[in-house]
Amino acid sequence: MDFINKYDTFIFDLDGTVYVENKLIPKADTTINELQDLGKNVCFVSNKTTGTPDEYYSFLTGKGVRIKKERIITPGFPESFLQSVKNLLLNICKAPDSIIRKNRMRLIWFW
């Protein structure tokens, strides 16, 4: 629990971290839901170009994962992928750009 308490935000890659071949990785749903129950920000990033945020949202919520569609970033976004990730950090994760740069904010990516 000490590990979880250290961080406010958790960013998960989707394919291979949350699911494999249309099946959730065991306990992925409970882990994600429990993090949110603890008040943690949970966001998702995918580098796959074949899925849209709507498709990921439908798939994951259909498997019992409680997520918000706007917290799913894919390369298919109209903006560049990296700009989308920056927007995720600034807007959803509530991390001001100056704090990210000044404190060299440490992010743990679950890839």
PDB file of N, CA and C in Angstrom:
ATOM      1  N   MET A   1       0.819  -1.184   0.000  1.00  0.00           N
ATOM      2  CA  MET A   1       0.000   0.000   0.000  1.00  0.00           C
ATOM      3  C   MET A   1       0.872   1.260   0.000  1.00  0.00           C
ATOM      4  N   ASP A   2       2.079   1.201   0.569  1.00  0.00           N
ATOM      5  CA  ASP A   2       2.962   2.363   0.563  1.00  0.00           C
ATOM      6  C   ASP A   2       3.223   2.838  -0.855  1.00  0.00           C
ATOM      7  N   PHE A   3       3.423   1.890  -1.763  1.00  0.00           N
ATOM      8  CA  PHE A   3       3.670   2.230  -3.163  1.00  0.00           C
ATOM      9  C   PHE A   3       2.496   3.020  -3.726  1.00  0.00           C
ATOM     10  N   ILE A   4       1.302   2.570  -3.503  1.00  0.00           N
ATOM     11  CA  ILE A   4       0.101   3.226  -4.037  1.00  0.00           C
ATOM     12  C   ILE A   4      -0.073   4.605  -3.413  1.00  0.00           C
ATOM     13  N   ASN A   5       0.211   4.740  -2.147  1.00  0.00           N
ATOM     14  CA  ASN A   5       0.037   6.027  -1.468  1.00  0.00           C
ATOM     15  C   ASN A   5       1.026   7.085  -1.941  1.00  0.00           C
ATOM     16  N   LYS A   6       2.129   6.680  -2.539  1.00  0.00           N
ATOM     17  CA  LYS A   6       3.138   7.634  -3.022  1.00  0.00           C
ATOM     18  C   LYS A   6       2.663   8.436  -4.219  1.00  0.00           C
ATOM     19  N   TYR A   7       1.692   7.916  -4.979  1.00  0.00           N
ATOM     20  CA  TYR A   7       1.317   8.509  -6.263  1.00  0.00           C
ATOM     21  C   TYR A   7      -0.160   8.875  -6.298  1.00  0.00           C
ATOM     22  N   ASP A   8      -0.444   9.979  -6.983  1.00  0.00           N
ATOM     23  CA  ASP A   8      -1.829  10.419  -7.170  1.00  0.00           C
ATOM     24  C   ASP A   8      -2.403   9.912  -8.483  1.00  0.00           C
ATOM     25  N   THR A   9      -1.535   9.659  -9.444  1.00  0.00           N
ATOM     26  CA  THR A   9      -1.976   9.313 -10.791  1.00  0.00           C
ATOM     27  C   THR A   9      -1.269   8.062 -11.280  1.00  0.00           C
ATOM     28  N   PHE A  10      -2.033   7.205 -11.914  1.00  0.00           N
ATOM     29  CA  PHE A  10      -1.509   5.982 -12.510  1.00  0.00           C
ATOM     30  C   PHE A  10      -1.898   5.983 -13.980  1.00  0.00           C
ATOM     31  N   ILE A  11      -0.910   5.812 -14.851  1.00  0.00           N
ATOM     32  CA  ILE A  11      -1.148   5.786 -16.288  1.00  0.00           C
ATOM     33  C   ILE A  11      -0.800   4.381 -16.779  1.00  0.00           C
ATOM     34  N   PHE A  12      -1.787   3.746 -17.376  1.00  0.00           N
ATOM     35  CA  PHE A  12      -1.615   2.380 -17.858  1.00  0.00           C
ATOM     36  C   PHE A  12      -1.603   2.339 -19.379  1.00  0.00           C
ATOM     37  N   ASP A  13      -0.677   1.582 -19.922  1.00  0.00           N
ATOM     38  CA  ASP A  13      -0.785   1.187 -21.318  1.00  0.00           C
ATOM     39  C   ASP A  13      -1.917   0.159 -21.353  1.00  0.00           C
ATOM     40  N   LEU A  14      -2.567  -0.002 -22.470  1.00  0.00           N
ATOM     41  CA  LEU A  14      -3.704  -0.913 -22.532  1.00  0.00           C
ATOM     42  C   LEU A  14      -3.319  -2.319 -22.982  1.00  0.00           C
ATOM     43  N   ASP A  15      -2.898  -2.480 -24.235  1.00  0.00           N
ATOM     44  CA  ASP A  15      -2.631  -3.799 -24.796  1.00  0.00           C
ATOM     45  C   ASP A  15      -1.401  -4.418 -24.142  1.00  0.00           C
ATOM     46  N   GLY A  16      -1.621  -5.537 -23.475  1.00  0.00           N
ATOM     47  CA  GLY A  16      -0.532  -6.254 -22.817  1.00  0.00           C
ATOM     48  C   GLY A  16      -0.366  -5.889 -21.357  1.00  0.00           C
ATOM     49  N   THR A  17      -1.027  -4.837 -20.921  1.00  0.00           N
ATOM     50  CA  THR A  17      -0.946  -4.415 -19.514  1.00  0.00           C
ATOM     51  C   THR A  17      -2.290  -4.559 -18.832  1.00  0.00           C
ATOM     52  N   VAL A  18      -3.350  -4.170 -19.526  1.00  0.00           N
ATOM     53  CA  VAL A  18      -4.704  -4.282 -18.998  1.00  0.00           C
ATOM     54  C   VAL A  18      -5.420  -5.472 -19.634  1.00  0.00           C
ATOM     55  N   TYR A  19      -5.142  -5.725 -20.908  1.00  0.00           N
ATOM     56  CA  TYR A  19      -5.770  -6.854 -21.602  1.00  0.00           C
ATOM     57  C   TYR A  19      -4.796  -7.476 -22.601  1.00  0.00           C
ATOM     58  N   VAL A  20      -5.094  -8.721 -22.955  1.00  0.00           N
ATOM     59  CA  VAL A  20      -4.367  -9.426 -24.011  1.00  0.00           C
ATOM     60  C   VAL A  20      -5.412 -10.189 -24.818  1.00  0.00           C
ATOM     61  N   GLU A  21      -5.382 -10.001 -26.129  1.00  0.00           N
ATOM     62  CA  GLU A  21      -6.296 -10.708 -27.038  1.00  0.00           C
ATOM     63  C   GLU A  21      -7.754 -10.650 -26.565  1.00  0.00           C
ATOM     64  N   ASN A  22      -8.229  -9.463 -26.297  1.00  0.00           N
ATOM     65  CA  ASN A  22      -9.620  -9.223 -25.897  1.00  0.00           C
ATOM     66  C   ASN A  22     -10.016  -9.850 -24.565  1.00  0.00           C
ATOM     67  N   LYS A  23      -9.047 -10.204 -23.743  1.00  0.00           N
ATOM     68  CA  LYS A  23      -9.322 -10.718 -22.397  1.00  0.00           C
ATOM     69  C   LYS A  23      -8.551  -9.865 -21.392  1.00  0.00           C
ATOM     70  N   LEU A  24      -9.235  -9.472 -20.323  1.00  0.00           N
ATOM     71  CA  LEU A  24      -8.541  -8.706 -19.287  1.00  0.00           C
ATOM     72  C   LEU A  24      -7.480  -9.565 -18.633  1.00  0.00           C
ATOM     73  N   ILE A  25      -6.380  -8.951 -18.294  1.00  0.00           N
ATOM     74  CA  ILE A  25      -5.361  -9.624 -17.495  1.00  0.00           C
ATOM     75  C   ILE A  25      -5.975  -9.830 -16.121  1.00  0.00           C
ATOM     76  N   PRO A  26      -5.762 -10.989 -15.504  1.00  0.00           N
ATOM     77  CA  PRO A  26      -6.379 -11.251 -14.194  1.00  0.00           C
ATOM     78  C   PRO A  26      -6.155 -10.103 -13.204  1.00  0.00           C
ATOM     79  N   LYS A  27      -7.220  -9.681 -12.595  1.00  0.00           N
ATOM     80  CA  LYS A  27      -7.285  -8.638 -11.576  1.00  0.00           C
ATOM     81  C   LYS A  27      -7.043  -7.223 -12.102  1.00  0.00           C
ATOM     82  N   ALA A  28      -6.944  -7.053 -13.412  1.00  0.00           N
ATOM     83  CA  ALA A  28      -6.775  -5.696 -13.958  1.00  0.00           C
ATOM     84  C   ALA A  28      -7.979  -4.839 -13.602  1.00  0.00           C
ATOM     85  N   ASP A  29      -9.175  -5.409 -13.743  1.00  0.00           N
ATOM     86  CA  ASP A  29     -10.389  -4.642 -13.445  1.00  0.00           C
ATOM     87  C   ASP A  29     -10.461  -4.243 -11.973  1.00  0.00           C
ATOM     88  N   THR A  30     -10.194  -5.172 -11.086  1.00  0.00           N
ATOM     89  CA  THR A  30     -10.276  -4.840  -9.654  1.00  0.00           C
ATOM     90  C   THR A  30      -9.176  -3.862  -9.249  1.00  0.00           C
ATOM     91  N   THR A  31      -7.992  -4.012  -9.822  1.00  0.00           N
ATOM     92  CA  THR A  31      -6.900  -3.081  -9.507  1.00  0.00           C
ATOM     93  C   THR A  31      -7.255  -1.666  -9.927  1.00  0.00           C
ATOM     94  N   ILE A  32      -7.725  -1.516 -11.156  1.00  0.00           N
ATOM     95  CA  ILE A  32      -8.080  -0.190 -11.663  1.00  0.00           C
ATOM     96  C   ILE A  32      -9.229   0.409 -10.862  1.00  0.00           C
ATOM     97  N   ASN A  33     -10.247  -0.389 -10.604  1.00  0.00           N
ATOM     98  CA  ASN A  33     -11.404   0.102  -9.844  1.00  0.00           C
ATOM     99  C   ASN A  33     -11.019   0.470  -8.417  1.00  0.00           C
ATOM    100  N   GLU A  34     -10.160  -0.323  -7.797  1.00  0.00           N
ATOM    101  CA  GLU A  34      -9.729  -0.028  -6.422  1.00  0.00           C
ATOM    102  C   GLU A  34      -8.878   1.235  -6.365  1.00  0.00           C
ATOM    103  N   LEU A  35      -8.027   1.449  -7.365  1.00  0.00           N
ATOM    104  CA  LEU A  35      -7.243   2.693  -7.399  1.00  0.00           C
ATOM    105  C   LEU A  35      -8.177   3.900  -7.432  1.00  0.00           C
ATOM    106  N   GLN A  36      -9.213   3.814  -8.245  1.00  0.00           N
ATOM    107  CA  GLN A  36     -10.170   4.918  -8.321  1.00  0.00           C
ATOM    108  C   GLN A  36     -10.948   5.071  -7.018  1.00  0.00           C
ATOM    109  N   ASP A  37     -11.291   3.953  -6.384  1.00  0.00           N
ATOM    110  CA  ASP A  37     -11.973   4.012  -5.088  1.00  0.00           C
ATOM    111  C   ASP A  37     -11.115   4.715  -4.040  1.00  0.00           C
ATOM    112  N   LEU A  38      -9.801   4.627  -4.201  1.00  0.00           N
ATOM    113  CA  LEU A  38      -8.866   5.295  -3.287  1.00  0.00           C
ATOM    114  C   LEU A  38      -8.654   6.768  -3.659  1.00  0.00           C
ATOM    115  N   GLY A  39      -9.353   7.218  -4.687  1.00  0.00           N
ATOM    116  CA  GLY A  39      -9.236   8.618  -5.104  1.00  0.00           C
ATOM    117  C   GLY A  39      -8.087   8.896  -6.046  1.00  0.00           C
ATOM    118  N   LYS A  40      -7.499   7.868  -6.608  1.00  0.00           N
ATOM    119  CA  LYS A  40      -6.382   8.050  -7.540  1.00  0.00           C
ATOM    120  C   LYS A  40      -6.904   8.374  -8.930  1.00  0.00           C
ATOM    121  N   ASN A  41      -6.150   9.179  -9.666  1.00  0.00           N
ATOM    122  CA  ASN A  41      -6.442   9.422 -11.080  1.00  0.00           C
ATOM    123  C   ASN A  41      -5.921   8.228 -11.857  1.00  0.00           C
ATOM    124  N   VAL A  42      -6.754   7.673 -12.710  1.00  0.00           N
ATOM    125  CA  VAL A  42      -6.344   6.541 -13.533  1.00  0.00           C
ATOM    126  C   VAL A  42      -6.561   6.930 -14.991  1.00  0.00           C
ATOM    127  N   CYS A  43      -5.485   6.835 -15.768  1.00  0.00           N
ATOM    128  CA  CYS A  43      -5.521   7.217 -17.166  1.00  0.00           C
ATOM    129  C   CYS A  43      -4.956   6.082 -18.006  1.00  0.00           C
ATOM    130  N   PHE A  44      -5.293   6.082 -19.280  1.00  0.00           N
ATOM    131  CA  PHE A  44      -4.876   5.010 -20.181  1.00  0.00           C
ATOM    132  C   PHE A  44      -4.281   5.606 -21.443  1.00  0.00           C
ATOM    133  N   VAL A  45      -3.190   5.005 -21.904  1.00  0.00           N
ATOM    134  CA  VAL A  45      -2.527   5.434 -23.127  1.00  0.00           C
ATOM    135  C   VAL A  45      -2.295   4.198 -23.975  1.00  0.00           C
ATOM    136  N   SER A  46      -2.555   4.325 -25.260  1.00  0.00           N
ATOM    137  CA  SER A  46      -2.267   3.226 -26.182  1.00  0.00           C
ATOM    138  C   SER A  46      -1.516   3.776 -27.380  1.00  0.00           C
ATOM    139  N   ASN A  47      -0.539   3.033 -27.849  1.00  0.00           N
ATOM    140  CA  ASN A  47       0.167   3.440 -29.057  1.00  0.00           C
ATOM    141  C   ASN A  47      -0.370   2.709 -30.284  1.00  0.00           C
ATOM    142  N   LYS A  48      -1.401   1.881 -30.083  1.00  0.00           N
ATOM    143  CA  LYS A  48      -2.015   1.176 -31.214  1.00  0.00           C
ATOM    144  C   LYS A  48      -2.891   2.144 -32.003  1.00  0.00           C
ATOM    145  N   THR A  49      -2.791   2.067 -33.309  1.00  0.00           N
ATOM    146  CA  THR A  49      -3.576   2.959 -34.158  1.00  0.00           C
ATOM    147  C   THR A  49      -4.914   2.337 -34.562  1.00  0.00           C
ATOM    148  N   THR A  50      -5.168   1.114 -34.133  1.00  0.00           N
ATOM    149  CA  THR A  50      -6.377   0.415 -34.583  1.00  0.00           C
ATOM    150  C   THR A  50      -7.589   0.642 -33.687  1.00  0.00           C
ATOM    151  N   GLY A  51      -7.412   1.155 -32.490  1.00  0.00           N
ATOM    152  CA  GLY A  51      -8.539   1.351 -31.588  1.00  0.00           C
ATOM    153  C   GLY A  51      -8.787   2.817 -31.287  1.00  0.00           C
ATOM    154  N   THR A  52     -10.050   3.184 -31.194  1.00  0.00           N
ATOM    155  CA  THR A  52     -10.403   4.555 -30.837  1.00  0.00           C
ATOM    156  C   THR A  52     -10.729   4.605 -29.342  1.00  0.00           C
ATOM    157  N   PRO A  53     -10.712   5.785 -28.752  1.00  0.00           N
ATOM    158  CA  PRO A  53     -11.124   5.882 -27.350  1.00  0.00           C
ATOM    159  C   PRO A  53     -12.525   5.316 -27.114  1.00  0.00           C
ATOM    160  N   ASP A  54     -13.438   5.528 -28.044  1.00  0.00           N
ATOM    161  CA  ASP A  54     -14.795   4.980 -27.905  1.00  0.00           C
ATOM    162  C   ASP A  54     -14.782   3.454 -27.856  1.00  0.00           C
ATOM    163  N   GLU A  55     -13.980   2.857 -28.720  1.00  0.00           N
ATOM    164  CA  GLU A  55     -13.905   1.387 -28.746  1.00  0.00           C
ATOM    165  C   GLU A  55     -13.277   0.841 -27.468  1.00  0.00           C
ATOM    166  N   TYR A  56     -12.198   1.460 -27.008  1.00  0.00           N
ATOM    167  CA  TYR A  56     -11.585   1.024 -25.753  1.00  0.00           C
ATOM    168  C   TYR A  56     -12.550   1.203 -24.582  1.00  0.00           C
ATOM    169  N   TYR A  57     -13.249   2.317 -24.578  1.00  0.00           N
ATOM    170  CA  TYR A  57     -14.212   2.595 -23.512  1.00  0.00           C
ATOM    171  C   TYR A  57     -15.296   1.506 -23.476  1.00  0.00           C
ATOM    172  N   SER A  58     -15.871   1.202 -24.617  1.00  0.00           N
ATOM    173  CA  SER A  58     -16.913   0.170 -24.684  1.00  0.00           C
ATOM    174  C   SER A  58     -16.383  -1.191 -24.245  1.00  0.00           C
ATOM    175  N   PHE A  59     -15.194  -1.529 -24.733  1.00  0.00           N
ATOM    176  CA  PHE A  59     -14.596  -2.821 -24.378  1.00  0.00           C
ATOM    177  C   PHE A  59     -14.350  -2.918 -22.870  1.00  0.00           C
ATOM    178  N   LEU A  60     -13.700  -1.902 -22.302  1.00  0.00           N
ATOM    179  CA  LEU A  60     -13.325  -1.971 -20.892  1.00  0.00           C
ATOM    180  C   LEU A  60     -14.530  -1.879 -19.953  1.00  0.00           C
ATOM    181  N   THR A  61     -15.455  -0.982 -20.245  1.00  0.00           N
ATOM    182  CA  THR A  61     -16.631  -0.892 -19.374  1.00  0.00           C
ATOM    183  C   THR A  61     -17.469  -2.158 -19.479  1.00  0.00           C
ATOM    184  N   GLY A  62     -17.462  -2.779 -20.648  1.00  0.00           N
ATOM    185  CA  GLY A  62     -18.159  -4.055 -20.819  1.00  0.00           C
ATOM    186  C   GLY A  62     -17.547  -5.176 -20.011  1.00  0.00           C
ATOM    187  N   LYS A  63     -16.301  -4.998 -19.616  1.00  0.00           N
ATOM    188  CA  LYS A  63     -15.596  -6.000 -18.795  1.00  0.00           C
ATOM    189  C   LYS A  63     -15.598  -5.621 -17.313  1.00  0.00           C
ATOM    190  N   GLY A  64     -16.324  -4.545 -16.966  1.00  0.00           N
ATOM    191  CA  GLY A  64     -16.437  -4.171 -15.553  1.00  0.00           C
ATOM    192  C   GLY A  64     -15.434  -3.147 -15.062  1.00  0.00           C
ATOM    193  N   VAL A  65     -14.645  -2.583 -15.966  1.00  0.00           N
ATOM    194  CA  VAL A  65     -13.675  -1.565 -15.574  1.00  0.00           C
ATOM    195  C   VAL A  65     -14.387  -0.203 -15.586  1.00  0.00           C
ATOM    196  N   ARG A  66     -14.328   0.494 -14.459  1.00  0.00           N
ATOM    197  CA  ARG A  66     -14.950   1.819 -14.372  1.00  0.00           C
ATOM    198  C   ARG A  66     -13.937   2.859 -14.844  1.00  0.00           C
ATOM    199  N   ILE A  67     -14.204   3.432 -15.995  1.00  0.00           N
ATOM    200  CA  ILE A  67     -13.286   4.423 -16.547  1.00  0.00           C
ATOM    201  C   ILE A  67     -14.075   5.577 -17.139  1.00  0.00           C
ATOM    202  N   LYS A  68     -13.359   6.656 -17.400  1.00  0.00           N
ATOM    203  CA  LYS A  68     -13.929   7.803 -18.100  1.00  0.00           C
ATOM    204  C   LYS A  68     -13.301   7.852 -19.486  1.00  0.00           C
ATOM    205  N   LYS A  69     -14.139   8.022 -20.484  1.00  0.00           N
ATOM    206  CA  LYS A  69     -13.662   7.999 -21.872  1.00  0.00           C
ATOM    207  C   LYS A  69     -12.575   9.046 -22.130  1.00  0.00           C
ATOM    208  N   GLU A  70     -12.705  10.212 -21.484  1.00  0.00           N
ATOM    209  CA  GLU A  70     -11.734  11.277 -21.745  1.00  0.00           C
ATOM    210  C   GLU A  70     -10.362  10.973 -21.148  1.00  0.00           C
ATOM    211  N   ARG A  71     -10.241   9.892 -20.416  1.00  0.00           N
ATOM    212  CA  ARG A  71      -8.945   9.505 -19.851  1.00  0.00           C
ATOM    213  C   ARG A  71      -8.255   8.421 -20.672  1.00  0.00           C
ATOM    214  N   ILE A  72      -8.712   8.238 -21.903  1.00  0.00           N
ATOM    215  CA  ILE A  72      -8.104   7.273 -22.818  1.00  0.00           C
ATOM    216  C   ILE A  72      -7.476   8.061 -23.963  1.00  0.00           C
ATOM    217  N   ILE A  73      -6.172   7.917 -24.127  1.00  0.00           N
ATOM    218  CA  ILE A  73      -5.440   8.624 -25.176  1.00  0.00           C
ATOM    219  C   ILE A  73      -4.913   7.601 -26.178  1.00  0.00           C
ATOM    220  N   THR A  74      -5.203   7.839 -27.457  1.00  0.00           N
ATOM    221  CA  THR A  74      -4.708   6.970 -28.523  1.00  0.00           C
ATOM    222  C   THR A  74      -4.075   7.834 -29.614  1.00  0.00           C
ATOM    223  N   PRO A  75      -3.247   7.242 -30.485  1.00  0.00           N
ATOM    224  CA  PRO A  75      -2.642   8.023 -31.569  1.00  0.00           C
ATOM    225  C   PRO A  75      -3.665   8.557 -32.564  1.00  0.00           C
ATOM    226  N   GLY A  76      -4.886   8.048 -32.527  1.00  0.00           N
ATOM    227  CA  GLY A  76      -5.906   8.480 -33.456  1.00  0.00           C
ATOM    228  C   GLY A  76      -6.528   9.822 -33.111  1.00  0.00           C
ATOM    229  N   PHE A  77      -6.119  10.408 -31.983  1.00  0.00           N
ATOM    230  CA  PHE A  77      -6.640  11.715 -31.597  1.00  0.00           C
ATOM    231  C   PHE A  77      -6.279  12.726 -32.678  1.00  0.00           C
ATOM    232  N   PRO A  78      -7.098  13.780 -32.840  1.00  0.00           N
ATOM    233  CA  PRO A  78      -6.774  14.794 -33.846  1.00  0.00           C
ATOM    234  C   PRO A  78      -5.443  15.492 -33.580  1.00  0.00           C
ATOM    235  N   GLU A  79      -5.101  15.653 -32.316  1.00  0.00           N
ATOM    236  CA  GLU A  79      -3.815  16.265 -31.982  1.00  0.00           C
ATOM    237  C   GLU A  79      -2.724  15.215 -32.108  1.00  0.00           C
ATOM    238  N   SER A  80      -1.508  15.653 -32.018  1.00  0.00           N
ATOM    239  CA  SER A  80      -0.417  14.681 -32.014  1.00  0.00           C
ATOM    240  C   SER A  80      -0.504  13.856 -30.738  1.00  0.00           C
ATOM    241  N   PHE A  81       0.024  12.664 -30.802  1.00  0.00           N
ATOM    242  CA  PHE A  81      -0.017  11.751 -29.661  1.00  0.00           C
ATOM    243  C   PHE A  81       0.654  12.360 -28.433  1.00  0.00           C
ATOM    244  N   LEU A  82       1.825  12.939 -28.609  1.00  0.00           N
ATOM    245  CA  LEU A  82       2.543  13.496 -27.459  1.00  0.00           C
ATOM    246  C   LEU A  82       1.822  14.704 -26.874  1.00  0.00           C
ATOM    247  N   GLN A  83       1.201  15.511 -27.706  1.00  0.00           N
ATOM    248  CA  GLN A  83       0.427  16.647 -27.201  1.00  0.00           C
ATOM    249  C   GLN A  83      -0.768  16.132 -26.399  1.00  0.00           C
ATOM    250  N   SER A  84      -1.358  15.035 -26.835  1.00  0.00           N
ATOM    251  CA  SER A  84      -2.475  14.446 -26.106  1.00  0.00           C
ATOM    252  C   SER A  84      -2.038  13.980 -24.725  1.00  0.00           C
ATOM    253  N   VAL A  85      -0.854  13.376 -24.654  1.00  0.00           N
ATOM    254  CA  VAL A  85      -0.342  12.931 -23.355  1.00  0.00           C
ATOM    255  C   VAL A  85      -0.077  14.140 -22.462  1.00  0.00           C
ATOM    256  N   LYS A  86       0.504  15.200 -23.019  1.00  0.00           N
ATOM    257  CA  LYS A  86       0.746  16.410 -22.225  1.00  0.00           C
ATOM    258  C   LYS A  86      -0.575  16.990 -21.720  1.00  0.00           C
ATOM    259  N   ASN A  87      -1.582  17.042 -22.581  1.00  0.00           N
ATOM    260  CA  ASN A  87      -2.892  17.539 -22.170  1.00  0.00           C
ATOM    261  C   ASN A  87      -3.482  16.674 -21.059  1.00  0.00           C
ATOM    262  N   LEU A  88      -3.268  15.374 -21.158  1.00  0.00           N
ATOM    263  CA  LEU A  88      -3.747  14.465 -20.120  1.00  0.00           C
ATOM    264  C   LEU A  88      -3.124  14.829 -18.783  1.00  0.00           C
ATOM    265  N   LEU A  89      -1.825  15.049 -18.783  1.00  0.00           N
ATOM    266  CA  LEU A  89      -1.131  15.392 -17.545  1.00  0.00           C
ATOM    267  C   LEU A  89      -1.571  16.747 -17.007  1.00  0.00           C
ATOM    268  N   LEU A  90      -1.712  17.719 -17.890  1.00  0.00           N
ATOM    269  CA  LEU A  90      -2.045  19.070 -17.449  1.00  0.00           C
ATOM    270  C   LEU A  90      -3.499  19.208 -17.022  1.00  0.00           C
ATOM    271  N   ASN A  91      -4.408  18.621 -17.764  1.00  0.00           N
ATOM    272  CA  ASN A  91      -5.827  18.852 -17.537  1.00  0.00           C
ATOM    273  C   ASN A  91      -6.499  17.803 -16.668  1.00  0.00           C
ATOM    274  N   ILE A  92      -6.263  16.545 -16.961  1.00  0.00           N
ATOM    275  CA  ILE A  92      -6.949  15.491 -16.219  1.00  0.00           C
ATOM    276  C   ILE A  92      -6.223  15.166 -14.929  1.00  0.00           C
ATOM    277  N   CYS A  93      -4.920  15.061 -15.000  1.00  0.00           N
ATOM    278  CA  CYS A  93      -4.141  14.695 -13.818  1.00  0.00           C
ATOM    279  C   CYS A  93      -3.827  15.916 -12.966  1.00  0.00           C
ATOM    280  N   LYS A  94      -4.221  17.091 -13.423  1.00  0.00           N
ATOM    281  CA  LYS A  94      -4.078  18.335 -12.664  1.00  0.00           C
ATOM    282  C   LYS A  94      -2.633  18.626 -12.277  1.00  0.00           C
ATOM    283  N   ALA A  95      -1.733  18.384 -13.205  1.00  0.00           N
ATOM    284  CA  ALA A  95      -0.323  18.650 -12.942  1.00  0.00           C
ATOM    285  C   ALA A  95       0.095  19.863 -13.761  1.00  0.00           C
ATOM    286  N   PRO A  96       0.238  21.035 -13.143  1.00  0.00           N
ATOM    287  CA  PRO A  96       0.661  22.223 -13.887  1.00  0.00           C
ATOM    288  C   PRO A  96       2.009  22.016 -14.565  1.00  0.00           C
ATOM    289  N   ASP A  97       2.122  22.543 -15.772  1.00  0.00           N
ATOM    290  CA  ASP A  97       3.335  22.375 -16.565  1.00  0.00           C
ATOM    291  C   ASP A  97       4.575  22.816 -15.794  1.00  0.00           C
ATOM    292  N   SER A  98       4.485  23.913 -15.060  1.00  0.00           N
ATOM    293  CA  SER A  98       5.648  24.400 -14.316  1.00  0.00           C
ATOM    294  C   SER A  98       6.068  23.406 -13.235  1.00  0.00           C
ATOM    295  N   ILE A  99       5.108  22.746 -12.639  1.00  0.00           N
ATOM    296  CA  ILE A  99       5.436  21.752 -11.602  1.00  0.00           C
ATOM    297  C   ILE A  99       6.076  20.523 -12.235  1.00  0.00           C
ATOM    298  N   ILE A 100       5.558  20.122 -13.384  1.00  0.00           N
ATOM    299  CA  ILE A 100       6.155  18.969 -14.068  1.00  0.00           C
ATOM    300  C   ILE A 100       7.613  19.245 -14.372  1.00  0.00           C
ATOM    301  N   ARG A 101       7.903  20.431 -14.942  1.00  0.00           N
ATOM    302  CA  ARG A 101       9.292  20.775 -15.290  1.00  0.00           C
ATOM    303  C   ARG A 101      10.143  21.002 -14.046  1.00  0.00           C
ATOM    304  N   LYS A 102       9.639  21.790 -13.093  1.00  0.00           N
ATOM    305  CA  LYS A 102      10.426  22.164 -11.919  1.00  0.00           C
ATOM    306  C   LYS A 102      10.783  20.954 -11.066  1.00  0.00           C
ATOM    307  N   ASN A 103       9.831  20.091 -10.843  1.00  0.00           N
ATOM    308  CA  ASN A 103      10.053  18.953  -9.952  1.00  0.00           C
ATOM    309  C   ASN A 103      10.443  17.685 -10.685  1.00  0.00           C
ATOM    310  N   ARG A 104      10.580  17.800 -12.005  1.00  0.00           N
ATOM    311  CA  ARG A 104      10.899  16.613 -12.799  1.00  0.00           C
ATOM    312  C   ARG A 104       9.981  15.467 -12.370  1.00  0.00           C
ATOM    313  N   MET A 105       8.702  15.757 -12.434  1.00  0.00           N
ATOM    314  CA  MET A 105       7.682  14.835 -11.941  1.00  0.00           C
ATOM    315  C   MET A 105       7.985  13.408 -12.389  1.00  0.00           C
ATOM    316  N   ARG A 106       7.984  12.538 -11.431  1.00  0.00           N
ATOM    317  CA  ARG A 106       8.293  11.135 -11.703  1.00  0.00           C
ATOM    318  C   ARG A 106       7.004  10.415 -12.026  1.00  0.00           C
ATOM    319  N   LEU A 107       6.960   9.850 -13.206  1.00  0.00           N
ATOM    320  CA  LEU A 107       5.804   9.079 -13.625  1.00  0.00           C
ATOM    321  C   LEU A 107       6.207   7.621 -13.738  1.00  0.00           C
ATOM    322  N   ILE A 108       5.347   6.760 -13.303  1.00  0.00           N
ATOM    323  CA  ILE A 108       5.599   5.331 -13.471  1.00  0.00           C
ATOM    324  C   ILE A 108       4.624   4.849 -14.526  1.00  0.00           C
ATOM    325  N   TRP A 109       5.160   4.390 -15.627  1.00  0.00           N
ATOM    326  CA  TRP A 109       4.332   3.896 -16.720  1.00  0.00           C
ATOM    327  C   TRP A 109       4.235   2.392 -16.588  1.00  0.00           C
ATOM    328  N   PHE A 110       3.039   1.878 -16.547  1.00  0.00           N
ATOM    329  CA  PHE A 110       2.826   0.430 -16.473  1.00  0.00           C
ATOM    330  C   PHE A 110       2.688  -0.085 -17.891  1.00  0.00           C
ATOM    331  N   TRP A 111       3.826  -0.440 -18.495  1.00  0.00           N
ATOM    332  CA  TRP A 111       3.863  -0.885 -19.895  1.00  0.00           C
ATOM    333  C   TRP A 111       3.983  -2.367 -19.933  1.00  0.00           C
TER     334      TRP A 111
END
